[in-house]
Protein backbone atom coordinates (compact mmCIF):
# COMPACT_ATOMS: atom_id res chain seq x y z
CA MET A 1 9.56 -9.32 -3.50
CA LEU A 2 8.34 -12.77 -4.47
CA LYS A 3 11.18 -14.30 -2.50
CA SER A 4 10.39 -12.19 0.52
CA CYS A 5 6.76 -13.30 0.37
CA VAL A 6 7.19 -16.99 -0.33
CA ASP A 7 10.72 -18.33 0.17
CA PHE A 8 11.24 -16.89 3.64
CA LEU A 9 7.79 -17.56 5.10
CA GLY A 10 6.58 -20.73 6.76
CA ILE A 11 3.13 -21.93 5.80
CA GLY A 12 1.58 -20.48 8.96
CA GLU A 13 2.99 -17.02 8.33
CA LEU A 14 1.99 -17.26 4.67
CA VAL A 15 -1.63 -18.04 5.55
CA VAL A 16 -1.74 -15.13 8.02
CA MET A 17 -0.24 -12.82 5.38
CA LEU A 18 -2.71 -13.87 2.69
CA ILE A 19 -5.82 -13.81 4.87
CA GLY A 20 -4.85 -10.89 7.07
CA GLY A 21 -3.70 -8.64 4.27
CA THR A 22 -0.22 -7.97 5.68
CA GLY A 23 3.21 -8.54 4.17
CA CYS A 24 3.39 -8.19 0.38
CA ARG A 25 1.49 -5.24 -0.95
CA GLY A 26 -0.70 -5.28 -4.01
CA PRO A 27 -3.28 -2.91 -5.47
CA LEU A 28 -5.82 -3.75 -2.77
CA GLU A 29 -3.63 -2.25 -0.03
CA TYR A 30 -2.45 0.88 -1.81
CA PRO A 31 -3.89 2.50 -4.96
CA MET A 32 -0.79 1.67 -6.98
CA VAL A 33 1.10 -1.28 -8.47
CA THR A 34 4.61 -2.05 -7.26
CA ARG A 35 7.24 -2.03 -9.99
CA LEU A 36 9.64 -4.95 -9.78
CA SER A 37 13.40 -4.83 -10.22
CA GLU A 38 14.86 -6.38 -13.37
CA GLU A 39 15.80 -9.50 -11.39
CA GLN A 40 12.33 -9.81 -9.87
CA GLN A 41 10.70 -9.28 -13.26
CA TRP A 42 12.88 -12.02 -14.73
CA GLN A 43 11.81 -14.36 -11.92
CA VAL A 44 8.13 -13.68 -12.61
CA ASP A 45 8.56 -14.18 -16.36
CA GLU A 46 10.38 -17.47 -15.74
CA ALA A 47 7.67 -18.59 -13.32
CA TRP A 48 5.00 -18.01 -15.97
CA GLY A 49 7.04 -19.88 -18.57
CA ASN A 50 7.72 -22.83 -16.27
CA MET A 51 4.07 -23.11 -15.27
CA LEU A 52 2.62 -22.83 -18.76
CA ASP A 53 5.16 -25.30 -20.20
CA GLN A 54 3.74 -27.97 -17.89
CA GLY A 55 0.33 -27.73 -19.54
CA GLU A 56 -2.37 -29.91 -18.01
CA GLU A 57 0.01 -31.06 -15.23
CA VAL A 58 -0.90 -27.80 -13.53
CA ASP A 59 -4.49 -28.58 -12.59
CA ARG A 60 -7.23 -26.04 -12.00
CA VAL A 61 -6.80 -25.77 -8.22
CA LEU A 62 -2.99 -25.65 -8.41
CA TRP A 63 -3.22 -22.82 -10.93
CA LEU A 64 -5.36 -20.83 -8.50
CA ASP A 65 -2.98 -21.60 -5.62
CA VAL A 66 -0.02 -20.37 -7.68
CA MET A 67 -1.86 -17.15 -8.54
CA ILE A 68 -2.67 -16.48 -4.87
CA VAL A 69 0.73 -17.30 -3.38
CA GLY A 70 2.77 -15.67 -6.17
CA GLN A 71 0.35 -12.73 -6.54
CA LEU A 72 0.77 -13.17 -10.28
CA TYR A 73 -2.54 -11.39 -10.90
CA GLU A 74 -0.62 -8.21 -10.10
CA GLN A 75 3.09 -8.83 -9.60
CA GLY A 76 5.10 -8.46 -12.79
CA VAL A 77 2.13 -7.91 -15.11
CA ASP A 78 2.54 -5.77 -18.21
CA THR A 79 -0.67 -3.79 -17.83
CA LEU A 80 -3.36 -3.50 -15.18
CA VAL A 81 -6.62 -1.58 -15.04
CA MET A 82 -8.67 -1.87 -11.89
CA GLN A 83 -11.91 0.03 -11.40
CA SER A 84 -14.19 0.18 -8.39
CA THR A 85 -17.37 2.14 -7.75
CA LYS A 86 -19.03 3.36 -4.57
CA THR A 87 -22.62 4.57 -4.44
CA VAL A 88 -23.03 7.61 -2.17
CA SER A 89 -26.14 9.53 -1.10
CA ASP A 90 -26.18 11.90 -4.08
CA GLY A 91 -24.33 9.93 -6.75
CA LYS A 92 -21.29 7.71 -7.02
CA VAL A 93 -17.49 7.70 -6.86
CA VAL A 94 -15.47 5.84 -9.50
CA MET A 95 -11.88 4.90 -8.63
CA THR A 96 -9.46 3.62 -11.29
CA ILE A 97 -5.92 2.28 -11.00
CA GLN A 98 -3.95 2.16 -14.26
CA PHE A 99 -0.53 0.57 -14.70
CA ASN A 100 1.65 0.05 -17.79
CA ARG A 101 5.07 -1.52 -17.25
CA ALA A 102 6.41 -0.13 -20.52
CA GLU A 103 5.13 3.42 -19.91
CA PRO A 104 5.50 4.34 -16.22
CA GLN A 105 4.60 7.97 -16.91
CA TYR A 106 0.99 6.83 -17.29
CA ASP A 107 0.75 4.92 -14.01
CA GLU A 108 -1.97 6.67 -12.05
CA PHE A 109 -4.85 6.55 -9.58
CA ASN A 110 -8.00 8.43 -10.57
CA LEU A 111 -10.94 9.51 -8.40
CA ALA A 112 -14.12 10.78 -10.08
CA TYR A 113 -17.24 11.95 -8.23
CA TYR A 114 -20.55 12.05 -10.14
CA ASP A 115 -23.98 13.29 -9.09
CA ASP A 116 -27.12 11.15 -9.43
CA LYS A 117 -27.60 12.47 -12.99
CA GLY A 118 -24.15 11.32 -14.03
CA GLN A 119 -22.62 14.81 -14.13
CA GLU A 120 -19.01 14.96 -12.98
CA ILE A 121 -18.61 17.03 -9.82
CA ARG A 122 -14.93 16.48 -9.09
CA ARG A 123 -11.98 14.54 -10.53
CA GLU A 124 -8.52 14.02 -9.07
CA ARG A 125 -5.58 12.31 -10.79
CA TYR A 126 -2.60 11.06 -8.79
CA LEU A 127 0.55 9.76 -10.42
CA PHE A 128 2.12 6.80 -8.64
CA ASP A 129 5.02 9.01 -7.54
CA GLU A 130 2.51 11.09 -5.56
CA VAL A 131 0.99 7.98 -4.00
CA ARG A 132 4.43 6.64 -3.13
CA GLU A 133 5.43 9.98 -1.59
CA ARG A 134 2.42 9.95 0.74
CA ILE A 135 3.08 6.35 1.76
CA GLN A 136 6.69 7.28 2.54
CA TYR A 137 5.55 10.31 4.54
CA PHE A 138 3.70 8.11 6.99
CA ALA A 139 6.18 5.23 6.93
CA SER A 140 9.56 6.86 7.58
CA PRO A 141 11.05 9.91 9.32
CA PRO A 142 12.75 12.52 7.10
CA GLU A 143 16.37 11.93 6.14
CA ILE A 144 18.74 13.71 8.50
CA HIS A 145 22.32 14.34 7.42
CA ASP A 146 25.15 13.11 9.61
CA GLU A 147 26.53 16.60 10.15
CA HIS A 148 23.50 17.61 12.20
CA ASP A 149 24.07 17.55 15.94
CA GLU A 150 21.88 15.46 18.22
CA ALA A 151 19.76 18.40 19.37
CA THR A 152 18.97 19.40 15.78
CA ARG A 153 18.27 15.81 14.89
CA GLN A 154 15.80 15.37 17.71
CA GLN A 155 14.14 18.68 16.86
CA VAL A 156 13.61 17.67 13.22
CA LEU A 157 12.26 14.26 14.20
CA GLY A 158 9.99 15.78 16.82
CA GLU A 159 8.56 18.33 14.36
CA TRP A 160 7.96 15.61 11.78
CA LEU A 161 6.24 13.36 14.31
CA SER A 162 4.03 16.18 15.60
CA GLU A 163 3.01 17.15 12.05
CA ARG A 164 2.39 13.55 11.05
CA ASN A 165 0.28 12.78 14.10
CA SER A 166 -1.80 15.91 13.52
CA ARG A 167 -2.33 14.76 9.95
CA ALA A 168 -3.29 11.28 11.17
CA GLU A 169 -5.86 12.78 13.53
CA GLU A 170 -7.31 14.86 10.70
CA ILE A 171 -7.51 11.82 8.40
CA CYS A 172 -9.15 9.63 11.02
CA THR A 173 -11.67 12.35 11.88
CA HIS A 174 -12.76 12.43 8.23
CA LEU A 175 -13.06 8.63 8.22
CA GLN A 176 -15.46 8.45 11.19
CA PRO A 177 -17.22 6.24 12.10
CA TRP A 178 -15.07 3.85 10.03
CA GLU A 179 -11.91 3.04 11.99
CA PRO A 180 -9.26 1.22 9.96
CA ALA A 181 -6.22 -0.34 11.67
CA TYR A 182 -4.16 2.81 11.10
CA CYS A 183 -6.64 4.89 13.10
CA ARG A 184 -6.98 2.29 15.85
CA ARG A 185 -3.24 2.42 16.33
CA TYR A 186 -3.17 6.17 16.81
CA SER A 187 -6.17 6.17 19.11
CA THR A 188 -4.64 3.62 21.52
CA ALA A 189 -0.92 4.39 21.50
CA GLU A 190 1.39 7.20 22.45
CA VAL A 191 4.05 7.50 19.76
CA SER A 192 7.50 8.99 20.14
CA VAL A 193 10.82 8.95 18.34
CA GLU A 194 13.94 7.74 20.09
CA ASN A 195 17.24 7.41 18.26
CA GLY A 196 15.50 7.82 14.93
CA VAL A 197 13.11 4.93 15.59
CA GLU A 198 9.38 5.33 16.11
CA ASN A 199 8.11 3.73 19.29
CA GLY A 200 4.57 3.13 20.46
CA ARG A 201 3.39 2.67 24.04
CA GLU A 202 -0.10 1.61 24.93
CA ARG A 203 -1.89 4.17 27.05
CA VAL A 204 -2.84 3.14 30.55
CA GLU A 205 -6.15 4.45 31.81
CA GLY A 206 -5.62 7.20 34.34
CA GLU A 207 -2.28 8.41 32.95
């Protein structure tokens, strides 16, 4: 992951990725922390060791630059707890991301809704597997076995796309008037599946 974010990007693409929030994904894009492979974890551990061994040669600004580019505030950490709060008309919502590299069964995203007196109204707990499943639902078509004929394959893909687009419409309706990039995409494009690949076509007024 670190290689894909740094080694293979030119400085222009890296700046766009960091400022625009695309490319490598951290806890601010999804409510979960990405677990690294053993090789990636080794790379992060070595990077920390190499940097800290240099002592004062790594000045204050360089240290910050390394944190930003390597995403070492999140990538390869041993534990992470991130909490955010949102004041609403009748109380507040508290959202907490918890990650423990040694105990993945406790990785979770919590939502708690409190009234203005501090009484809990609702609480939901999502394990990272649930979060990952929902991300995958929107990102990729269902797996279709090779033995299925083309007609069956297209039918399965079509049903998935119809269901997913209905879900997207429902989500974006609940988000109104806020319109994140995901909702802008589905409000301006016609989406279809051809040969197992999702394709978007901008609508032309009058069609």
